[in-house]
Protein backbone atom coordinates (compact mmCIF):
# COMPACT_ATOMS: atom_id res chain seq x y z
CA UNK A 1 109.36 91.29 108.45
CA UNK A 2 105.44 92.47 107.96
CA UNK A 3 103.78 92.31 105.02
CA UNK A 4 100.46 94.61 104.90
CA UNK A 5 97.88 93.88 103.02
CA UNK A 6 95.23 96.45 101.90
CA UNK A 7 91.76 96.34 100.73
CA UNK A 8 88.92 98.58 99.98
CA UNK A 9 89.04 101.86 97.80
CA UNK A 10 87.57 102.33 94.50
CA UNK A 11 85.47 104.87 92.72
CA UNK A 12 82.78 106.82 94.49
CA UNK A 13 80.73 109.83 93.92
CA UNK A 14 81.71 113.24 95.63
CA UNK A 15 79.82 113.11 99.12
CA UNK A 16 80.07 109.34 99.37
CA UNK A 17 82.25 107.17 101.77
CA UNK A 18 84.83 104.40 101.46
CA UNK A 19 86.53 102.30 103.99
CA UNK A 20 90.25 101.06 103.68
CA UNK A 21 91.67 98.04 105.47
CA UNK A 22 94.95 97.16 106.45
CA UNK A 23 96.06 93.84 107.96
CA UNK A 24 99.32 91.96 108.21
CA UNK A 25 99.80 88.82 106.39
CA UNK A 26 101.11 85.88 108.57
CA UNK A 27 101.30 87.56 112.03
CA UNK A 28 99.43 89.58 114.54
CA UNK A 29 99.79 93.37 115.20
CA UNK A 30 101.79 94.11 118.58
CA UNK A 31 103.47 97.31 119.63
CA UNK A 32 103.03 99.09 116.35
CA UNK A 33 102.28 102.26 114.89
CA UNK A 34 100.15 102.78 111.81
CA UNK A 35 99.87 105.41 109.23
CA UNK A 36 97.79 106.15 106.30
CA UNK A 37 99.27 108.34 103.54
CA UNK A 38 98.22 109.24 99.86
CA UNK A 39 99.78 110.21 96.74
CA UNK A 40 97.86 112.13 93.81
CA UNK A 41 99.38 111.99 90.38
CA UNK A 42 102.20 114.70 89.98
CA UNK A 43 102.07 114.95 93.80
CA UNK A 44 104.06 114.17 96.72
CA UNK A 45 102.98 111.58 99.13
CA UNK A 46 101.14 113.21 102.01
CA UNK A 47 100.06 112.20 105.60
CA UNK A 48 96.54 111.41 106.41
CA UNK A 49 96.27 109.87 109.61
CA UNK A 50 97.91 107.67 112.14
CA UNK A 51 97.17 105.35 115.12
CA UNK A 52 98.85 103.55 118.01
CA UNK A 53 97.85 100.07 118.23
CA UNK A 54 98.63 99.73 121.92
CA UNK A 55 97.12 103.04 123.11
CA UNK A 56 94.66 103.57 120.41
CA UNK A 57 95.51 107.17 120.23
CA UNK A 58 94.78 108.86 116.71
CA UNK A 59 96.37 111.76 114.80
CA UNK A 60 95.25 113.63 111.68
CA UNK A 61 96.04 115.94 108.82
CA UNK A 62 94.57 119.10 110.13
CA UNK A 63 92.80 119.30 106.80
CA UNK A 64 91.04 115.99 106.96
CA UNK A 65 89.99 116.02 110.51
CA UNK A 66 86.18 115.44 110.78
CA UNK A 67 85.94 113.55 107.33
CA UNK A 68 88.47 110.64 107.76
CA UNK A 69 88.83 108.29 110.66
CA UNK A 70 91.45 105.98 111.59
CA UNK A 71 90.76 102.97 113.81
CA UNK A 72 91.75 99.46 114.70
CA UNK A 73 89.81 96.32 115.47
CA UNK A 74 92.06 94.35 117.86
CA UNK A 75 89.89 91.16 117.16
CA UNK A 76 90.26 91.21 113.41
CA UNK A 77 94.06 92.49 113.63
CA UNK A 78 93.05 95.24 111.11
CA UNK A 79 93.56 98.93 110.80
CA UNK A 80 90.84 101.18 108.88
CA UNK A 81 90.61 104.29 107.42
CA UNK A 82 86.84 105.48 107.20
CA UNK A 83 86.59 108.42 104.66
CA UNK A 84 83.40 110.31 104.44
CA UNK A 85 82.13 113.35 102.52
CA UNK A 86 84.64 112.50 99.88
CA UNK A 87 85.53 115.21 97.59
CA UNK A 88 87.35 114.93 94.07
CA UNK A 89 90.67 116.34 95.53
CA UNK A 90 90.67 113.16 97.81
CA UNK A 91 91.55 111.08 94.67
CA UNK A 92 94.65 109.33 95.18
CA UNK A 93 96.43 106.15 95.79
CA UNK A 94 96.39 105.24 99.53
CA UNK A 95 98.93 103.70 101.36
CA UNK A 96 99.05 101.87 104.87
CA UNK A 97 102.31 101.90 106.76
CA UNK A 98 103.61 100.30 109.86
CA UNK A 99 106.49 101.16 112.38
CA UNK A 100 107.54 98.71 114.97
CA UNK A 101 107.62 99.50 118.60
CA UNK A 102 107.50 103.24 118.31
CA UNK A 103 108.75 105.21 121.42
CA UNK A 104 106.66 107.73 123.20
CA UNK A 105 108.65 110.45 121.29
CA UNK A 106 107.46 109.32 118.06
CA UNK A 107 104.01 110.39 118.87
CA UNK A 108 104.96 113.63 120.70
CA UNK A 109 107.13 114.76 117.69
CA UNK A 110 106.37 114.45 113.94
CA UNK A 111 107.79 111.13 113.14
CA UNK A 112 104.41 109.68 112.52
CA UNK A 113 103.72 112.41 109.75
CA UNK A 114 106.89 111.40 108.01
CA UNK A 115 106.41 109.10 105.33
CA UNK A 116 110.21 108.97 104.47
CA UNK A 117 111.73 108.06 107.64
CA UNK A 118 108.73 107.29 109.99
CA UNK A 119 107.57 104.02 108.82
CA UNK A 120 109.29 100.54 108.48
CA UNK A 121 106.85 98.58 106.40
CA UNK A 122 104.28 99.70 103.55
CA UNK A 123 101.05 98.22 101.93
CA UNK A 124 100.81 97.86 98.33
CA UNK A 125 98.45 100.98 97.96
CA UNK A 126 94.94 101.15 96.87
CA UNK A 127 93.32 103.63 94.33
CA UNK A 128 90.60 105.93 95.49
CA UNK A 129 88.84 107.86 92.96
CA UNK A 130 86.13 110.47 93.64
CA UNK A 131 83.99 111.59 90.73
CA UNK A 132 82.24 114.96 90.73
């Protein structure tokens, strides 16, 4: 069992930046894949970004490329989501998710974008609010 603990988030003005963090409680990451998802009120949860812990490869929702960056710090055993040039439409609850030992086809297909079937563990979520 992996318990993901999220931190970061909060209130920021449009154009500002925030960084979210995701770390496991009580263990170190190994062969995991990670994703960030977000859900705004009245909307479905949507894919934001994903990362392979072992390979360091990254994947993004097309609409967020260039503004959002997913990364990992192996020494700190933490996954980050850096969000720049934030817009009011980025306001949502953001969730970190993890999948254990993803196969190569996981990354070549669309599993990493699938919030329903692609991940085994989820963080508690953190609110990001962008004011205009």
